[in-house]
PDB file of all heavy atoms in Angstrom:
ATOM      1  N   ALA A   1     184.710  58.069   7.683  1.00  0.00           N
ATOM      2  CA  ALA A   1     184.862  58.881   8.960  1.00  0.00           C
ATOM      3  C   ALA A   1     186.157  58.653   9.648  1.00  0.00           C
ATOM      4  O   ALA A   1     186.942  59.474  10.151  1.00  0.00           O
ATOM      5  CB  ALA A   1     183.758  58.670   9.938  1.00  0.00           C
ATOM      6  N   ARG A   2     186.714  57.430   9.527  1.00  0.00           N
ATOM      7  CA  ARG A   2     187.965  56.994  10.168  1.00  0.00           C
ATOM      8  C   ARG A   2     189.090  57.700   9.367  1.00  0.00           C
ATOM      9  O   ARG A   2     190.101  58.277   9.995  1.00  0.00           O
ATOM     10  CB  ARG A   2     188.176  55.569  10.242  1.00  0.00           C
ATOM     11  CG  ARG A   2     187.451  54.887  11.431  1.00  0.00           C
ATOM     12  CD  ARG A   2     187.877  53.523  11.641  1.00  0.00           C
ATOM     13  NE  ARG A   2     187.625  52.630  10.473  1.00  0.00           N
ATOM     14  CZ  ARG A   2     186.480  51.971  10.311  1.00  0.00           C
ATOM     15  NH1 ARG A   2     185.562  52.074  11.182  1.00  0.00           N
ATOM     16  NH2 ARG A   2     186.274  51.182   9.242  1.00  0.00           N
ATOM     17  N   LEU A   3     189.020  57.678   8.038  1.00  0.00           N
ATOM     18  CA  LEU A   3     189.998  58.226   7.241  1.00  0.00           C
ATOM     19  C   LEU A   3     190.083  59.776   7.387  1.00  0.00           C
ATOM     20  O   LEU A   3     191.159  60.334   7.412  1.00  0.00           O
ATOM     21  CB  LEU A   3     189.850  57.791   5.764  1.00  0.00           C
ATOM     22  CG  LEU A   3     190.101  56.338   5.435  1.00  0.00           C
ATOM     23  CD1 LEU A   3     189.774  56.094   4.029  1.00  0.00           C
ATOM     24  CD2 LEU A   3     191.659  55.985   5.707  1.00  0.00           C
ATOM     25  N   ALA A   4     188.935  60.304   7.456  1.00  0.00           N
ATOM     26  CA  ALA A   4     188.856  61.710   7.528  1.00  0.00           C
ATOM     27  C   ALA A   4     189.385  62.205   8.910  1.00  0.00           C
ATOM     28  O   ALA A   4     190.155  63.233   8.969  1.00  0.00           O
ATOM     29  CB  ALA A   4     187.371  62.334   7.451  1.00  0.00           C
ATOM     30  N   GLY A   5     189.167  61.334  10.019  1.00  0.00           N
ATOM     31  CA  GLY A   5     189.710  61.727  11.331  1.00  0.00           C
ATOM     32  C   GLY A   5     191.151  61.567  11.500  1.00  0.00           C
ATOM     33  O   GLY A   5     191.832  62.069  12.373  1.00  0.00           O
ATOM     34  N   SER A   6     191.814  60.728  10.563  1.00  0.00           N
ATOM     35  CA  SER A   6     193.280  60.381  10.726  1.00  0.00           C
ATOM     36  C   SER A   6     194.153  61.594  10.329  1.00  0.00           C
ATOM     37  O   SER A   6     195.166  61.695  10.839  1.00  0.00           O
ATOM     38  CB  SER A   6     193.568  59.274   9.881  1.00  0.00           C
ATOM     39  OG  SER A   6     193.473  59.538   8.503  1.00  0.00           O
ATOM     40  N   GLY A   7     193.523  62.538   9.410  1.00  0.00           N
ATOM     41  CA  GLY A   7     194.296  63.579   9.091  1.00  0.00           C
ATOM     42  C   GLY A   7     195.364  63.201   8.035  1.00  0.00           C
ATOM     43  O   GLY A   7     196.179  64.184   7.619  1.00  0.00           O
ATOM     44  N   ARG A   8     195.560  61.974   7.584  1.00  0.00           N
ATOM     45  CA  ARG A   8     196.591  61.519   6.757  1.00  0.00           C
ATOM     46  C   ARG A   8     196.044  61.458   5.223  1.00  0.00           C
ATOM     47  O   ARG A   8     196.882  61.312   4.309  1.00  0.00           O
ATOM     48  CB  ARG A   8     197.130  60.147   7.177  1.00  0.00           C
ATOM     49  CG  ARG A   8     197.625  60.122   8.462  1.00  0.00           C
ATOM     50  CD  ARG A   8     198.457  58.878   8.713  1.00  0.00           C
ATOM     51  NE  ARG A   8     197.495  57.734   8.568  1.00  0.00           N
ATOM     52  CZ  ARG A   8     196.869  57.083   9.533  1.00  0.00           C
ATOM     53  NH1 ARG A   8     196.954  57.727  10.824  1.00  0.00           N
ATOM     54  NH2 ARG A   8     196.151  56.117   9.353  1.00  0.00           N
ATOM     55  N   VAL A   9     194.770  61.759   5.069  1.00  0.00           N
ATOM     56  CA  VAL A   9     194.210  61.503   3.688  1.00  0.00           C
ATOM     57  C   VAL A   9     193.534  62.864   3.304  1.00  0.00           C
ATOM     58  O   VAL A   9     192.824  63.408   4.151  1.00  0.00           O
ATOM     59  CB  VAL A   9     193.232  60.358   3.638  1.00  0.00           C
ATOM     60  CG1 VAL A   9     192.634  60.266   2.292  1.00  0.00           C
ATOM     61  CG2 VAL A   9     193.965  59.029   4.108  1.00  0.00           C
ATOM     62  N   THR A  10     193.791  63.313   2.020  1.00  0.00           N
ATOM     63  CA  THR A  10     192.996  64.344   1.545  1.00  0.00           C
ATOM     64  C   THR A  10     191.658  63.890   0.984  1.00  0.00           C
ATOM     65  O   THR A  10     191.460  63.068   0.117  1.00  0.00           O
ATOM     66  CB  THR A  10     193.766  65.036   0.383  1.00  0.00           C
ATOM     67  OG1 THR A  10     195.067  65.484   0.841  1.00  0.00           O
ATOM     68  CG2 THR A  10     192.988  66.210  -0.172  1.00  0.00           C
ATOM     69  N   MET A  11     190.568  64.296   1.788  1.00  0.00           N
ATOM     70  CA  MET A  11     189.240  63.773   1.563  1.00  0.00           C
ATOM     71  C   MET A  11     188.597  64.408   0.410  1.00  0.00           C
ATOM     72  O   MET A  11     188.711  65.601   0.267  1.00  0.00           O
ATOM     73  CB  MET A  11     188.464  63.927   2.824  1.00  0.00           C
ATOM     74  CG  MET A  11     188.944  62.957   4.055  1.00  0.00           C
ATOM     75  SD  MET A  11     188.810  61.300   3.664  1.00  0.00           S
ATOM     76  CE  MET A  11     187.114  61.038   3.606  1.00  0.00           C
ATOM     77  N   PRO A  12     187.818  63.665  -0.265  1.00  0.00           N
ATOM     78  CA  PRO A  12     186.935  64.288  -1.310  1.00  0.00           C
ATOM     79  C   PRO A  12     185.865  65.196  -0.585  1.00  0.00           C
ATOM     80  O   PRO A  12     185.592  64.839   0.696  1.00  0.00           O
ATOM     81  CB  PRO A  12     186.348  63.089  -2.095  1.00  0.00           C
ATOM     82  CG  PRO A  12     187.080  61.944  -1.689  1.00  0.00           C
ATOM     83  CD  PRO A  12     187.753  62.193  -0.342  1.00  0.00           C
ATOM     84  N   GLU A  13     185.088  65.842  -1.275  1.00  0.00           N
ATOM     85  CA  GLU A  13     183.903  66.458  -0.842  1.00  0.00           C
ATOM     86  C   GLU A  13     182.884  65.385  -0.546  1.00  0.00           C
ATOM     87  O   GLU A  13     182.707  64.544  -1.450  1.00  0.00           O
ATOM     88  CB  GLU A  13     183.429  67.532  -1.739  1.00  0.00           C
ATOM     89  CG  GLU A  13     182.129  68.144  -1.321  1.00  0.00           C
ATOM     90  CD  GLU A  13     181.537  69.114  -2.345  1.00  0.00           C
ATOM     91  OE1 GLU A  13     182.214  69.373  -3.401  1.00  0.00           O
ATOM     92  OE2 GLU A  13     180.325  69.500  -2.247  1.00  0.00           O
ATOM     93  N   LEU A  14     182.254  65.492   0.549  1.00  0.00           N
ATOM     94  CA  LEU A  14     181.152  64.502   0.905  1.00  0.00           C
ATOM     95  C   LEU A  14     179.880  64.999   0.991  1.00  0.00           C
ATOM     96  O   LEU A  14     179.650  66.178   1.583  1.00  0.00           O
ATOM     97  CB  LEU A  14     181.643  63.783   2.272  1.00  0.00           C
ATOM     98  CG  LEU A  14     182.923  63.030   2.328  1.00  0.00           C
ATOM     99  CD1 LEU A  14     183.075  62.501   3.805  1.00  0.00           C
ATOM    100  CD2 LEU A  14     183.066  61.922   1.391  1.00  0.00           C
ATOM    101  N   GLU A  15     178.969  64.437   0.333  1.00  0.00           N
ATOM    102  CA  GLU A  15     177.559  64.877   0.439  1.00  0.00           C
ATOM    103  C   GLU A  15     176.491  63.753   0.573  1.00  0.00           C
ATOM    104  O   GLU A  15     176.641  62.749  -0.095  1.00  0.00           O
ATOM    105  CB  GLU A  15     177.261  65.637  -0.946  1.00  0.00           C
ATOM    106  CG  GLU A  15     175.757  66.175  -1.001  1.00  0.00           C
ATOM    107  CD  GLU A  15     175.498  66.801  -2.403  1.00  0.00           C
ATOM    108  OE1 GLU A  15     176.367  66.895  -3.286  1.00  0.00           O
ATOM    109  OE2 GLU A  15     174.343  67.348  -2.504  1.00  0.00           O
ATOM    110  N   LEU A  16     175.636  63.967   1.499  1.00  0.00           N
ATOM    111  CA  LEU A  16     174.536  63.054   1.722  1.00  0.00           C
ATOM    112  C   LEU A  16     173.352  63.676   0.915  1.00  0.00           C
ATOM    113  O   LEU A  16     172.802  64.785   1.375  1.00  0.00           O
ATOM    114  CB  LEU A  16     174.168  62.897   3.136  1.00  0.00           C
ATOM    115  CG  LEU A  16     172.989  61.934   3.534  1.00  0.00           C
ATOM    116  CD1 LEU A  16     173.270  60.556   2.975  1.00  0.00           C
ATOM    117  CD2 LEU A  16     172.819  61.954   4.964  1.00  0.00           C
ATOM    118  N   LEU A  17     172.712  62.985   0.009  1.00  0.00           N
ATOM    119  CA  LEU A  17     171.692  63.512  -0.845  1.00  0.00           C
ATOM    120  C   LEU A  17     170.532  62.562  -0.664  1.00  0.00           C
ATOM    121  O   LEU A  17     170.438  61.536  -1.382  1.00  0.00           O
ATOM    122  CB  LEU A  17     172.197  63.644  -2.301  1.00  0.00           C
ATOM    123  CG  LEU A  17     171.173  64.207  -3.316  1.00  0.00           C
ATOM    124  CD1 LEU A  17     170.631  65.631  -2.864  1.00  0.00           C
ATOM    125  CD2 LEU A  17     171.780  64.217  -4.674  1.00  0.00           C
ATOM    126  N   PRO A  18     169.499  62.999   0.103  1.00  0.00           N
ATOM    127  CA  PRO A  18     168.292  62.289   0.026  1.00  0.00           C
ATOM    128  C   PRO A  18     167.452  62.392  -1.341  1.00  0.00           C
ATOM    129  O   PRO A  18     167.211  63.471  -1.701  1.00  0.00           O
ATOM    130  CB  PRO A  18     167.437  62.851   1.167  1.00  0.00           C
ATOM    131  CG  PRO A  18     168.442  63.601   1.918  1.00  0.00           C
ATOM    132  CD  PRO A  18     169.475  64.121   0.963  1.00  0.00           C
ATOM    133  N   ALA A  19     167.320  61.203  -1.976  1.00  0.00           N
ATOM    134  CA  ALA A  19     166.768  61.273  -3.361  1.00  0.00           C
ATOM    135  C   ALA A  19     165.218  61.154  -3.193  1.00  0.00           C
ATOM    136  O   ALA A  19     164.480  61.632  -4.188  1.00  0.00           O
ATOM    137  CB  ALA A  19     167.215  60.191  -4.270  1.00  0.00           C
ATOM    138  N   SER A  20     164.753  60.610  -2.150  1.00  0.00           N
ATOM    139  CA  SER A  20     163.179  60.564  -1.912  1.00  0.00           C
ATOM    140  C   SER A  20     162.981  60.592  -0.385  1.00  0.00           C
ATOM    141  O   SER A  20     163.825  60.168   0.462  1.00  0.00           O
ATOM    142  CB  SER A  20     162.649  59.326  -2.520  1.00  0.00           C
ATOM    143  OG  SER A  20     163.294  58.062  -2.043  1.00  0.00           O
ATOM    144  N   TYR A  21     161.842  61.230  -0.046  1.00  0.00           N
ATOM    145  CA  TYR A  21     161.486  61.407   1.377  1.00  0.00           C
ATOM    146  C   TYR A  21     160.322  60.723   1.729  1.00  0.00           C
ATOM    147  O   TYR A  21     159.398  60.521   0.821  1.00  0.00           O
ATOM    148  CB  TYR A  21     161.297  62.907   1.598  1.00  0.00           C
ATOM    149  CG  TYR A  21     162.506  63.817   1.302  1.00  0.00           C
ATOM    150  CD1 TYR A  21     162.751  64.266  -0.006  1.00  0.00           C
ATOM    151  CD2 TYR A  21     163.486  64.134   2.344  1.00  0.00           C
ATOM    152  CE1 TYR A  21     163.832  65.000  -0.322  1.00  0.00           C
ATOM    153  CE2 TYR A  21     164.442  65.031   2.009  1.00  0.00           C
ATOM    154  CZ  TYR A  21     164.749  65.501   0.706  1.00  0.00           C
ATOM    155  OH  TYR A  21     165.801  66.180   0.525  1.00  0.00           O
ATOM    156  N   ASP A  22     160.043  60.335   2.991  1.00  0.00           N
ATOM    157  CA  ASP A  22     158.887  59.773   3.413  1.00  0.00           C
ATOM    158  C   ASP A  22     158.025  60.860   3.809  1.00  0.00           C
ATOM    159  O   ASP A  22     158.198  61.897   4.199  1.00  0.00           O
ATOM    160  CB  ASP A  22     159.146  59.049   4.861  1.00  0.00           C
ATOM    161  CG  ASP A  22     159.849  57.683   4.578  1.00  0.00           C
ATOM    162  OD1 ASP A  22     159.803  57.207   3.540  1.00  0.00           O
ATOM    163  OD2 ASP A  22     160.432  57.143   5.655  1.00  0.00           O
ATOM    164  N   LEU A  23     156.619  60.667   3.286  1.00  0.00           N
ATOM    165  CA  LEU A  23     155.669  61.630   3.574  1.00  0.00           C
ATOM    166  C   LEU A  23     154.987  61.301   4.955  1.00  0.00           C
ATOM    167  O   LEU A  23     155.222  60.126   5.410  1.00  0.00           O
ATOM    168  CB  LEU A  23     154.608  61.566   2.506  1.00  0.00           C
ATOM    169  CG  LEU A  23     155.018  61.914   1.115  1.00  0.00           C
ATOM    170  CD1 LEU A  23     153.824  61.619   0.113  1.00  0.00           C
ATOM    171  CD2 LEU A  23     155.370  63.407   1.133  1.00  0.00           C
ATOM    172  N   PRO A  24     154.333  62.255   5.572  1.00  0.00           N
ATOM    173  CA  PRO A  24     153.557  61.838   6.908  1.00  0.00           C
ATOM    174  C   PRO A  24     152.755  60.618   6.685  1.00  0.00           C
ATOM    175  O   PRO A  24     152.010  60.471   5.655  1.00  0.00           O
ATOM    176  CB  PRO A  24     152.813  63.090   7.098  1.00  0.00           C
ATOM    177  CG  PRO A  24     153.541  64.216   6.472  1.00  0.00           C
ATOM    178  CD  PRO A  24     154.137  63.628   5.172  1.00  0.00           C
ATOM    179  N   GLY A  25     152.823  59.669   7.621  1.00  0.00           N
ATOM    180  CA  GLY A  25     152.016  58.426   7.543  1.00  0.00           C
ATOM    181  C   GLY A  25     152.726  57.356   6.751  1.00  0.00           C
ATOM    182  O   GLY A  25     152.145  56.142   6.686  1.00  0.00           O
ATOM    183  N   ALA A  26     154.007  57.596   6.284  1.00  0.00           N
ATOM    184  CA  ALA A  26     154.661  56.633   5.561  1.00  0.00           C
ATOM    185  C   ALA A  26     154.979  55.288   6.343  1.00  0.00           C
ATOM    186  O   ALA A  26     154.968  54.195   5.860  1.00  0.00           O
ATOM    187  CB  ALA A  26     156.003  57.245   5.049  1.00  0.00           C
ATOM    188  N   ARG A  27     155.086  55.458   7.750  1.00  0.00           N
ATOM    189  CA  ARG A  27     155.288  54.264   8.526  1.00  0.00           C
ATOM    190  C   ARG A  27     154.112  53.235   8.585  1.00  0.00           C
ATOM    191  O   ARG A  27     154.236  52.129   9.005  1.00  0.00           O
ATOM    192  CB  ARG A  27     155.821  54.677   9.908  1.00  0.00           C
ATOM    193  CG  ARG A  27     157.125  55.314   9.962  1.00  0.00           C
ATOM    194  CD  ARG A  27     158.271  54.535   9.281  1.00  0.00           C
ATOM    195  NE  ARG A  27     158.523  53.228   9.872  1.00  0.00           N
ATOM    196  CZ  ARG A  27     159.328  53.027  10.887  1.00  0.00           C
ATOM    197  NH1 ARG A  27     159.864  53.954  11.486  1.00  0.00           N
ATOM    198  NH2 ARG A  27     159.425  51.768  11.304  1.00  0.00           N
ATOM    199  N   LEU A  28     152.961  53.907   8.172  1.00  0.00           N
ATOM    200  CA  LEU A  28     151.845  52.986   8.037  1.00  0.00           C
ATOM    201  C   LEU A  28     152.025  51.900   7.119  1.00  0.00           C
ATOM    202  O   LEU A  28     151.474  50.698   7.233  1.00  0.00           O
ATOM    203  CB  LEU A  28     150.505  53.782   7.786  1.00  0.00           C
ATOM    204  CG  LEU A  28     150.095  54.734   8.879  1.00  0.00           C
ATOM    205  CD1 LEU A  28     148.900  55.609   8.480  1.00  0.00           C
ATOM    206  CD2 LEU A  28     149.804  54.090  10.153  1.00  0.00           C
ATOM    207  N   LEU A  29     152.774  52.136   5.995  1.00  0.00           N
ATOM    208  CA  LEU A  29     153.028  51.138   4.959  1.00  0.00           C
ATOM    209  C   LEU A  29     153.876  50.071   5.648  1.00  0.00           C
ATOM    210  O   LEU A  29     153.664  48.865   5.230  1.00  0.00           O
ATOM    211  CB  LEU A  29     153.791  51.784   3.843  1.00  0.00           C
ATOM    212  CG  LEU A  29     153.017  52.897   3.089  1.00  0.00           C
ATOM    213  CD1 LEU A  29     153.966  53.398   2.021  1.00  0.00           C
ATOM    214  CD2 LEU A  29     151.733  52.346   2.517  1.00  0.00           C
ATOM    215  N   ASP A  30     154.803  50.439   6.475  1.00  0.00           N
ATOM    216  CA  ASP A  30     155.599  49.405   7.178  1.00  0.00           C
ATOM    217  C   ASP A  30     154.706  48.481   8.100  1.00  0.00           C
ATOM    218  O   ASP A  30     154.873  47.259   8.071  1.00  0.00           O
ATOM    219  CB  ASP A  30     156.651  50.041   8.119  1.00  0.00           C
ATOM    220  CG  ASP A  30     157.677  50.772   7.316  1.00  0.00           C
ATOM    221  OD1 ASP A  30     157.809  50.486   6.151  1.00  0.00           O
ATOM    222  OD2 ASP A  30     158.489  51.585   7.947  1.00  0.00           O
ATOM    223  N   LEU A  31     153.745  49.085   8.646  1.00  0.00           N
ATOM    224  CA  LEU A  31     152.813  48.354   9.494  1.00  0.00           C
ATOM    225  C   LEU A  31     152.019  47.380   8.769  1.00  0.00           C
ATOM    226  O   LEU A  31     151.816  46.131   9.078  1.00  0.00           O
ATOM    227  CB  LEU A  31     151.859  49.259  10.349  1.00  0.00           C
ATOM    228  CG  LEU A  31     150.831  48.649  11.242  1.00  0.00           C
ATOM    229  CD1 LEU A  31     151.405  47.686  12.191  1.00  0.00           C
ATOM    230  CD2 LEU A  31     149.997  49.667  11.857  1.00  0.00           C
ATOM    231  N   VAL A  32     151.487  47.782   7.605  1.00  0.00           N
ATOM    232  CA  VAL A  32     150.812  46.868   6.718  1.00  0.00           C
ATOM    233  C   VAL A  32     151.572  45.741   6.191  1.00  0.00           C
ATOM    234  O   VAL A  32     151.222  44.581   6.234  1.00  0.00           O
ATOM    235  CB  VAL A  32     150.237  47.692   5.471  1.00  0.00           C
ATOM    236  CG1 VAL A  32     149.551  46.734   4.508  1.00  0.00           C
ATOM    237  CG2 VAL A  32     149.117  48.636   6.076  1.00  0.00           C
ATOM    238  N   GLN A  33     152.897  45.990   5.840  1.00  0.00           N
ATOM    239  CA  GLN A  33     153.840  44.977   5.408  1.00  0.00           C
ATOM    240  C   GLN A  33     154.203  43.893   6.551  1.00  0.00           C
ATOM    241  O   GLN A  33     154.118  42.798   6.238  1.00  0.00           O
ATOM    242  CB  GLN A  33     155.146  45.592   4.873  1.00  0.00           C
ATOM    243  CG  GLN A  33     154.849  46.296   3.566  1.00  0.00           C
ATOM    244  CD  GLN A  33     156.160  47.001   3.106  1.00  0.00           C
ATOM    245  OE1 GLN A  33     157.136  47.069   3.939  1.00  0.00           O
ATOM    246  NE2 GLN A  33     156.143  47.439   1.841  1.00  0.00           N
ATOM    247  N   VAL A  34     154.329  44.513   7.714  1.00  0.00           N
ATOM    248  CA  VAL A  34     154.654  43.566   8.991  1.00  0.00           C
ATOM    249  C   VAL A  34     153.420  42.736   9.180  1.00  0.00           C
ATOM    250  O   VAL A  34     153.610  41.485   9.442  1.00  0.00           O
ATOM    251  CB  VAL A  34     155.097  44.405  10.126  1.00  0.00           C
ATOM    252  CG1 VAL A  34     155.064  43.624  11.382  1.00  0.00           C
ATOM    253  CG2 VAL A  34     156.466  45.135   9.893  1.00  0.00           C
ATOM    254  N   MET A  35     152.299  43.276   9.044  1.00  0.00           N
ATOM    255  CA  MET A  35     151.122  42.537   9.379  1.00  0.00           C
ATOM    256  C   MET A  35     150.915  41.501   8.377  1.00  0.00           C
ATOM    257  O   MET A  35     150.495  40.348   8.669  1.00  0.00           O
ATOM    258  CB  MET A  35     149.859  43.478   9.429  1.00  0.00           C
ATOM    259  CG  MET A  35     148.575  42.838   9.919  1.00  0.00           C
ATOM    260  SD  MET A  35     148.654  42.376  11.633  1.00  0.00           S
ATOM    261  CE  MET A  35     148.746  40.699  11.609  1.00  0.00           C
ATOM    262  N   ASP A  36     151.176  41.718   7.161  1.00  0.00           N
ATOM    263  CA  ASP A  36     151.042  40.723   5.987  1.00  0.00           C
ATOM    264  C   ASP A  36     151.994  39.552   6.411  1.00  0.00           C
ATOM    265  O   ASP A  36     151.546  38.408   6.170  1.00  0.00           O
ATOM    266  CB  ASP A  36     151.511  41.323   4.717  1.00  0.00           C
ATOM    267  CG  ASP A  36     150.393  42.142   4.082  1.00  0.00           C
ATOM    268  OD1 ASP A  36     149.210  42.080   4.392  1.00  0.00           O
ATOM    269  OD2 ASP A  36     150.662  42.984   3.158  1.00  0.00           O
ATOM    270  N   ARG A  37     153.214  39.695   6.774  1.00  0.00           N
ATOM    271  CA  ARG A  37     154.070  38.839   7.087  1.00  0.00           C
ATOM    272  C   ARG A  37     153.700  37.975   8.274  1.00  0.00           C
ATOM    273  O   ARG A  37     153.692  36.751   8.319  1.00  0.00           O
ATOM    274  CB  ARG A  37     155.630  39.394   7.206  1.00  0.00           C
ATOM    275  CG  ARG A  37     156.539  38.223   7.395  1.00  0.00           C
ATOM    276  CD  ARG A  37     157.999  38.711   7.290  1.00  0.00           C
ATOM    277  NE  ARG A  37     158.914  37.626   7.527  1.00  0.00           N
ATOM    278  CZ  ARG A  37     160.323  37.842   7.392  1.00  0.00           C
ATOM    279  NH1 ARG A  37     160.816  39.116   7.232  1.00  0.00           N
ATOM    280  NH2 ARG A  37     161.119  36.815   7.691  1.00  0.00           N
ATOM    281  N   ILE A  38     153.288  38.716   9.304  1.00  0.00           N
ATOM    282  CA  ILE A  38     152.894  38.015  10.466  1.00  0.00           C
ATOM    283  C   ILE A  38     151.677  37.133  10.188  1.00  0.00           C
ATOM    284  O   ILE A  38     151.546  36.025  10.621  1.00  0.00           O
ATOM    285  CB  ILE A  38     152.552  38.992  11.512  1.00  0.00           C
ATOM    286  CG1 ILE A  38     153.858  39.644  12.096  1.00  0.00           C
ATOM    287  CG2 ILE A  38     151.777  38.420  12.813  1.00  0.00           C
ATOM    288  CD1 ILE A  38     153.578  40.805  13.038  1.00  0.00           C
ATOM    289  N   ARG A  39     150.712  37.567   9.480  1.00  0.00           N
ATOM    290  CA  ARG A  39     149.465  36.852   9.092  1.00  0.00           C
ATOM    291  C   ARG A  39     149.911  35.441   8.331  1.00  0.00           C
ATOM    292  O   ARG A  39     149.356  34.537   8.505  1.00  0.00           O
ATOM    293  CB  ARG A  39     148.510  37.622   8.276  1.00  0.00           C
ATOM    294  CG  ARG A  39     147.380  36.951   7.782  1.00  0.00           C
ATOM    295  CD  ARG A  39     146.437  36.560   8.963  1.00  0.00           C
ATOM    296  NE  ARG A  39     145.066  36.005   8.666  1.00  0.00           N
ATOM    297  CZ  ARG A  39     144.257  35.539   9.414  1.00  0.00           C
ATOM    298  NH1 ARG A  39     144.413  35.468  10.741  1.00  0.00           N
ATOM    299  NH2 ARG A  39     143.074  34.967   8.975  1.00  0.00           N
ATOM    300  N   ALA A  40     150.936  35.716   7.530  1.00  0.00           N
ATOM    301  CA  ALA A  40     151.310  34.536   6.722  1.00  0.00           C
ATOM    302  C   ALA A  40     152.138  33.481   7.488  1.00  0.00           C
ATOM    303  O   ALA A  40     152.117  32.280   7.214  1.00  0.00           O
ATOM    304  CB  ALA A  40     152.142  34.970   5.497  1.00  0.00           C
ATOM    305  N   GLU A  41     153.030  34.037   8.466  1.00  0.00           N
ATOM    306  CA  GLU A  41     154.101  33.060   8.997  1.00  0.00           C
ATOM    307  C   GLU A  41     153.925  32.754  10.475  1.00  0.00           C
ATOM    308  O   GLU A  41     154.532  31.852  10.855  1.00  0.00           O
ATOM    309  CB  GLU A  41     155.369  33.743   8.782  1.00  0.00           C
ATOM    310  CG  GLU A  41     155.807  34.066   7.351  1.00  0.00           C
ATOM    311  CD  GLU A  41     157.116  34.595   7.107  1.00  0.00           C
ATOM    312  OE1 GLU A  41     157.938  34.634   8.089  1.00  0.00           O
ATOM    313  OE2 GLU A  41     157.407  35.169   6.050  1.00  0.00           O
ATOM    314  N   CYS A  42     153.071  33.575  11.171  1.00  0.00           N
ATOM    315  CA  CYS A  42     152.953  33.300  12.648  1.00  0.00           C
ATOM    316  C   CYS A  42     151.826  32.268  12.934  1.00  0.00           C
ATOM    317  O   CYS A  42     150.706  32.389  12.416  1.00  0.00           O
ATOM    318  CB  CYS A  42     152.639  34.562  13.341  1.00  0.00           C
ATOM    319  SG  CYS A  42     152.253  34.414  15.116  1.00  0.00           S
TER     320      CYS A  42
END
């Protein structure tokens, strides 16, 4: 972003490509993982 904003560099084409997406409820997996660690270490 800094180089592109400087205007001194010819920038390549930039693309952000999501290769996999979270499905609804995906954050529940995070909760299960956090609970596993808390149970083990707290």
